[in-house]
N, C-alpha and C. Protein backbone atom coordinates (compact mmCIF):
# COMPACT_ATOMS: atom_id res chain seq x y z
N MET A 1 7.30 22.19 4.91
CA MET A 1 7.07 20.78 5.07
C MET A 1 8.10 20.23 6.06
N ARG A 2 7.59 19.50 7.02
CA ARG A 2 8.48 18.89 8.02
C ARG A 2 9.25 17.71 7.41
N LYS A 3 10.32 17.35 8.08
CA LYS A 3 11.15 16.24 7.61
C LYS A 3 10.33 14.95 7.53
N SER A 4 9.48 14.72 8.51
CA SER A 4 8.64 13.52 8.51
C SER A 4 7.65 13.54 7.34
N ASP A 5 7.16 14.74 7.00
CA ASP A 5 6.25 14.87 5.85
C ASP A 5 6.98 14.55 4.54
N LYS A 6 8.22 14.98 4.44
CA LYS A 6 9.01 14.70 3.23
C LYS A 6 9.24 13.20 3.08
N LYS A 7 9.47 12.52 4.19
CA LYS A 7 9.66 11.07 4.13
C LYS A 7 8.37 10.38 3.68
N LEU A 8 7.24 10.82 4.20
CA LEU A 8 5.96 10.27 3.78
C LEU A 8 5.72 10.53 2.30
N GLU A 9 5.98 11.73 1.87
CA GLU A 9 5.81 12.11 0.46
C GLU A 9 6.65 11.21 -0.45
N THR A 10 7.88 11.03 -0.09
CA THR A 10 8.78 10.18 -0.88
C THR A 10 8.25 8.75 -0.94
N GLU A 11 7.76 8.25 0.18
CA GLU A 11 7.24 6.88 0.22
C GLU A 11 5.95 6.73 -0.58
N ILE A 12 5.07 7.71 -0.50
CA ILE A 12 3.83 7.68 -1.30
C ILE A 12 4.18 7.66 -2.79
N ILE A 13 5.08 8.53 -3.20
CA ILE A 13 5.49 8.59 -4.61
C ILE A 13 6.09 7.26 -5.05
N ARG A 14 6.95 6.69 -4.23
CA ARG A 14 7.58 5.41 -4.57
C ARG A 14 6.55 4.31 -4.74
N ARG A 15 5.62 4.23 -3.82
CA ARG A 15 4.61 3.17 -3.87
C ARG A 15 3.67 3.35 -5.06
N LEU A 16 3.24 4.58 -5.33
CA LEU A 16 2.37 4.81 -6.49
C LEU A 16 3.11 4.55 -7.80
N THR A 17 4.38 4.92 -7.85
CA THR A 17 5.19 4.65 -9.04
C THR A 17 5.32 3.15 -9.27
N ASP A 18 5.53 2.40 -8.20
CA ASP A 18 5.63 0.95 -8.32
C ASP A 18 4.35 0.34 -8.89
N VAL A 19 3.19 0.80 -8.40
CA VAL A 19 1.91 0.32 -8.92
C VAL A 19 1.78 0.66 -10.40
N CYS A 20 2.07 1.90 -10.72
CA CYS A 20 1.95 2.37 -12.10
C CYS A 20 2.83 1.56 -13.04
N GLU A 21 4.07 1.39 -12.69
CA GLU A 21 5.01 0.67 -13.55
C GLU A 21 4.67 -0.81 -13.66
N ALA A 22 4.21 -1.40 -12.58
CA ALA A 22 3.85 -2.82 -12.60
C ALA A 22 2.61 -3.08 -13.45
N MET A 23 1.66 -2.17 -13.40
CA MET A 23 0.38 -2.40 -14.07
C MET A 23 0.33 -1.86 -15.50
N LYS A 24 1.16 -0.88 -15.81
CA LYS A 24 1.09 -0.21 -17.11
C LYS A 24 1.12 -1.17 -18.30
N PRO A 25 2.00 -2.17 -18.33
CA PRO A 25 2.03 -3.08 -19.49
C PRO A 25 0.73 -3.88 -19.66
N GLU A 26 -0.01 -4.07 -18.58
CA GLU A 26 -1.22 -4.89 -18.62
C GLU A 26 -2.48 -4.08 -18.93
N LEU A 27 -2.39 -2.77 -18.87
CA LEU A 27 -3.57 -1.94 -19.01
C LEU A 27 -3.52 -1.13 -20.30
N GLU A 28 -4.66 -0.97 -20.91
CA GLU A 28 -4.77 -0.28 -22.19
C GLU A 28 -4.85 1.24 -22.03
N GLY A 29 -5.58 1.70 -21.04
CA GLY A 29 -5.88 3.12 -20.97
C GLY A 29 -5.21 3.89 -19.85
N SER A 30 -4.57 3.20 -18.93
CA SER A 30 -3.94 3.86 -17.79
C SER A 30 -2.71 4.64 -18.24
N ILE A 31 -2.59 5.87 -17.77
CA ILE A 31 -1.45 6.71 -18.14
C ILE A 31 -0.52 6.91 -16.96
N TRP A 32 -1.04 7.42 -15.84
CA TRP A 32 -0.21 7.67 -14.67
C TRP A 32 -1.07 7.86 -13.44
N LEU A 33 -0.42 7.89 -12.26
CA LEU A 33 -1.09 8.11 -10.98
C LEU A 33 -0.46 9.34 -10.33
N THR A 34 -1.27 10.05 -9.58
CA THR A 34 -0.77 11.20 -8.84
C THR A 34 -1.52 11.28 -7.52
N HIS A 35 -1.13 12.22 -6.69
CA HIS A 35 -1.80 12.36 -5.40
C HIS A 35 -1.72 13.80 -4.91
N GLU A 36 -2.60 14.10 -3.98
CA GLU A 36 -2.57 15.36 -3.22
C GLU A 36 -2.77 15.00 -1.77
N VAL A 37 -2.14 15.78 -0.90
CA VAL A 37 -2.28 15.50 0.52
C VAL A 37 -1.94 16.75 1.34
N ASN A 38 -2.65 16.91 2.43
CA ASN A 38 -2.33 17.92 3.43
C ASN A 38 -1.81 17.13 4.63
N TYR A 39 -0.52 17.20 4.88
CA TYR A 39 0.08 16.35 5.91
C TYR A 39 -0.38 16.68 7.32
N GLN A 40 -0.98 17.82 7.52
CA GLN A 40 -1.55 18.13 8.84
C GLN A 40 -2.81 17.32 9.08
N ARG A 41 -3.39 16.77 8.00
CA ARG A 41 -4.59 15.95 8.12
C ARG A 41 -4.40 14.57 7.46
N PHE A 42 -3.19 14.06 7.50
CA PHE A 42 -2.88 12.77 6.90
C PHE A 42 -3.34 11.65 7.83
N PRO A 43 -3.94 10.61 7.36
CA PRO A 43 -4.18 10.19 5.98
C PRO A 43 -5.54 10.58 5.42
N GLU A 44 -6.37 11.24 6.24
CA GLU A 44 -7.72 11.60 5.80
C GLU A 44 -7.73 12.51 4.58
N SER A 45 -6.68 13.29 4.40
CA SER A 45 -6.63 14.23 3.27
C SER A 45 -5.99 13.65 2.01
N LEU A 46 -5.44 12.44 2.11
CA LEU A 46 -4.78 11.84 0.95
C LEU A 46 -5.79 11.53 -0.13
N MET A 47 -5.55 12.04 -1.33
CA MET A 47 -6.41 11.80 -2.49
C MET A 47 -5.53 11.31 -3.63
N VAL A 48 -5.81 10.12 -4.13
CA VAL A 48 -5.04 9.54 -5.23
C VAL A 48 -5.88 9.65 -6.50
N THR A 49 -5.26 10.09 -7.57
CA THR A 49 -5.94 10.22 -8.86
C THR A 49 -5.28 9.31 -9.88
N LEU A 50 -6.09 8.48 -10.52
CA LEU A 50 -5.63 7.59 -11.58
C LEU A 50 -6.01 8.24 -12.91
N MET A 51 -5.03 8.53 -13.72
CA MET A 51 -5.27 9.20 -14.99
C MET A 51 -5.33 8.18 -16.12
N PHE A 52 -6.33 8.35 -16.99
CA PHE A 52 -6.54 7.46 -18.12
C PHE A 52 -6.60 8.26 -19.41
N ASN A 53 -6.21 7.61 -20.49
CA ASN A 53 -6.31 8.18 -21.82
C ASN A 53 -7.79 8.34 -22.16
N ASP A 54 -8.18 9.49 -22.68
CA ASP A 54 -9.60 9.71 -22.97
C ASP A 54 -10.08 8.98 -24.21
N GLU A 55 -9.19 8.29 -24.90
CA GLU A 55 -9.58 7.56 -26.10
C GLU A 55 -10.09 6.15 -25.82
N VAL A 56 -9.92 5.64 -24.61
CA VAL A 56 -10.41 4.30 -24.30
C VAL A 56 -11.90 4.34 -24.03
N SER A 57 -12.55 3.23 -24.28
CA SER A 57 -13.99 3.14 -24.07
C SER A 57 -14.34 3.24 -22.59
N GLU A 58 -15.58 3.55 -22.32
CA GLU A 58 -16.07 3.62 -20.95
C GLU A 58 -15.90 2.28 -20.25
N GLN A 59 -16.13 1.20 -20.96
CA GLN A 59 -15.99 -0.14 -20.40
C GLN A 59 -14.56 -0.40 -19.96
N VAL A 60 -13.58 -0.09 -20.82
CA VAL A 60 -12.17 -0.28 -20.48
C VAL A 60 -11.79 0.61 -19.30
N PHE A 61 -12.24 1.86 -19.34
CA PHE A 61 -11.98 2.81 -18.26
C PHE A 61 -12.43 2.24 -16.92
N LEU A 62 -13.67 1.75 -16.85
CA LEU A 62 -14.22 1.22 -15.61
C LEU A 62 -13.54 -0.08 -15.19
N GLN A 63 -13.24 -0.95 -16.16
CA GLN A 63 -12.57 -2.21 -15.83
C GLN A 63 -11.18 -1.94 -15.25
N GLU A 64 -10.45 -1.06 -15.88
CA GLU A 64 -9.09 -0.79 -15.42
C GLU A 64 -9.08 -0.07 -14.09
N PHE A 65 -10.04 0.82 -13.87
CA PHE A 65 -10.15 1.47 -12.57
C PHE A 65 -10.41 0.42 -11.49
N SER A 66 -11.28 -0.55 -11.78
CA SER A 66 -11.59 -1.58 -10.79
C SER A 66 -10.38 -2.48 -10.51
N VAL A 67 -9.47 -2.61 -11.46
CA VAL A 67 -8.24 -3.37 -11.26
C VAL A 67 -7.23 -2.55 -10.45
N LEU A 68 -7.10 -1.28 -10.78
CA LEU A 68 -6.10 -0.43 -10.12
C LEU A 68 -6.47 -0.05 -8.70
N LEU A 69 -7.74 0.14 -8.42
CA LEU A 69 -8.16 0.59 -7.09
C LEU A 69 -7.62 -0.31 -5.98
N PRO A 70 -7.82 -1.63 -6.03
CA PRO A 70 -7.27 -2.46 -4.95
C PRO A 70 -5.73 -2.51 -4.96
N GLN A 71 -5.13 -2.33 -6.11
CA GLN A 71 -3.67 -2.30 -6.18
C GLN A 71 -3.11 -1.09 -5.43
N VAL A 72 -3.76 0.06 -5.62
CA VAL A 72 -3.35 1.28 -4.91
C VAL A 72 -3.58 1.10 -3.41
N GLN A 73 -4.73 0.57 -3.04
CA GLN A 73 -5.02 0.36 -1.62
C GLN A 73 -3.98 -0.57 -0.99
N ALA A 74 -3.64 -1.64 -1.67
CA ALA A 74 -2.66 -2.59 -1.14
C ALA A 74 -1.28 -1.95 -1.01
N ALA A 75 -0.91 -1.13 -1.99
CA ALA A 75 0.41 -0.49 -1.96
C ALA A 75 0.54 0.50 -0.81
N LEU A 76 -0.55 1.19 -0.50
CA LEU A 76 -0.50 2.22 0.54
C LEU A 76 -0.83 1.68 1.93
N ARG A 77 -1.40 0.50 2.01
CA ARG A 77 -1.83 -0.07 3.30
C ARG A 77 -0.74 -0.07 4.37
N PRO A 78 0.51 -0.44 4.05
CA PRO A 78 1.54 -0.44 5.10
C PRO A 78 1.83 0.94 5.70
N MET A 79 1.50 1.99 4.99
CA MET A 79 1.76 3.35 5.47
C MET A 79 0.63 3.91 6.32
N LEU A 80 -0.55 3.32 6.17
CA LEU A 80 -1.75 3.86 6.81
C LEU A 80 -2.19 2.96 7.96
N SER A 81 -2.94 3.51 8.87
CA SER A 81 -3.46 2.69 9.96
C SER A 81 -4.61 1.80 9.48
N ASN A 82 -5.29 2.22 8.41
CA ASN A 82 -6.37 1.47 7.79
C ASN A 82 -6.21 1.52 6.28
N GLU A 83 -7.07 0.80 5.58
CA GLU A 83 -7.05 0.84 4.13
C GLU A 83 -7.56 2.20 3.64
N LEU A 84 -6.92 2.74 2.61
CA LEU A 84 -7.37 4.00 2.03
C LEU A 84 -8.77 3.79 1.46
N PRO A 85 -9.77 4.56 1.93
CA PRO A 85 -11.13 4.38 1.42
C PRO A 85 -11.21 4.65 -0.09
N ALA A 86 -12.05 3.89 -0.75
CA ALA A 86 -12.24 4.03 -2.20
C ALA A 86 -12.64 5.46 -2.57
N LYS A 87 -13.35 6.15 -1.68
CA LYS A 87 -13.77 7.52 -1.98
C LYS A 87 -12.58 8.48 -2.08
N GLN A 88 -11.41 8.05 -1.62
CA GLN A 88 -10.20 8.87 -1.71
C GLN A 88 -9.34 8.49 -2.92
N ILE A 89 -9.90 7.68 -3.80
CA ILE A 89 -9.22 7.30 -5.03
C ILE A 89 -10.18 7.61 -6.18
N GLU A 90 -9.73 8.46 -7.08
CA GLU A 90 -10.59 8.85 -8.19
C GLU A 90 -9.92 8.54 -9.52
N ALA A 91 -10.71 8.52 -10.56
CA ALA A 91 -10.20 8.29 -11.91
C ALA A 91 -10.60 9.48 -12.78
N ARG A 92 -9.68 9.89 -13.62
CA ARG A 92 -9.94 10.99 -14.55
C ARG A 92 -9.40 10.60 -15.92
N ARG A 93 -9.92 11.27 -16.91
CA ARG A 93 -9.43 11.07 -18.27
C ARG A 93 -8.61 12.29 -18.67
N GLU A 94 -7.59 12.04 -19.47
CA GLU A 94 -6.73 13.12 -19.96
C GLU A 94 -6.57 12.97 -21.47
N HIS A 95 -6.76 14.06 -22.17
CA HIS A 95 -6.56 14.04 -23.62
C HIS A 95 -5.07 14.11 -23.91
N ARG A 96 -4.62 13.23 -24.78
CA ARG A 96 -3.21 13.21 -25.15
C ARG A 96 -3.06 13.58 -26.61
N LEU A 97 -2.17 14.48 -26.88
CA LEU A 97 -1.87 14.86 -28.26
C LEU A 97 -0.90 13.87 -28.84
N HIS A 98 -1.08 13.55 -30.11
CA HIS A 98 -0.19 12.57 -30.76
C HIS A 98 0.82 13.27 -31.61
């Protein structure tokens, strides 16, 4: 990984963490955010995943995804030449053991 890639990685992590921490108290099912990226094809390869607790209803899952999607786009906008397309942001459910 090049030095410039490491800087981008650090900035992506910081911005996604900020979104997660800011929104977590307001959301019922959101657990965490993560990403994958191939820096040789950045930003087209950037994929953000929003993880949700699998115990929340489908309605809550969809409502919270619709709230988080523009928050993620806004957080990453300063780093990208354009807004991150919605198709590059996905939501998944994760089972949590108690």
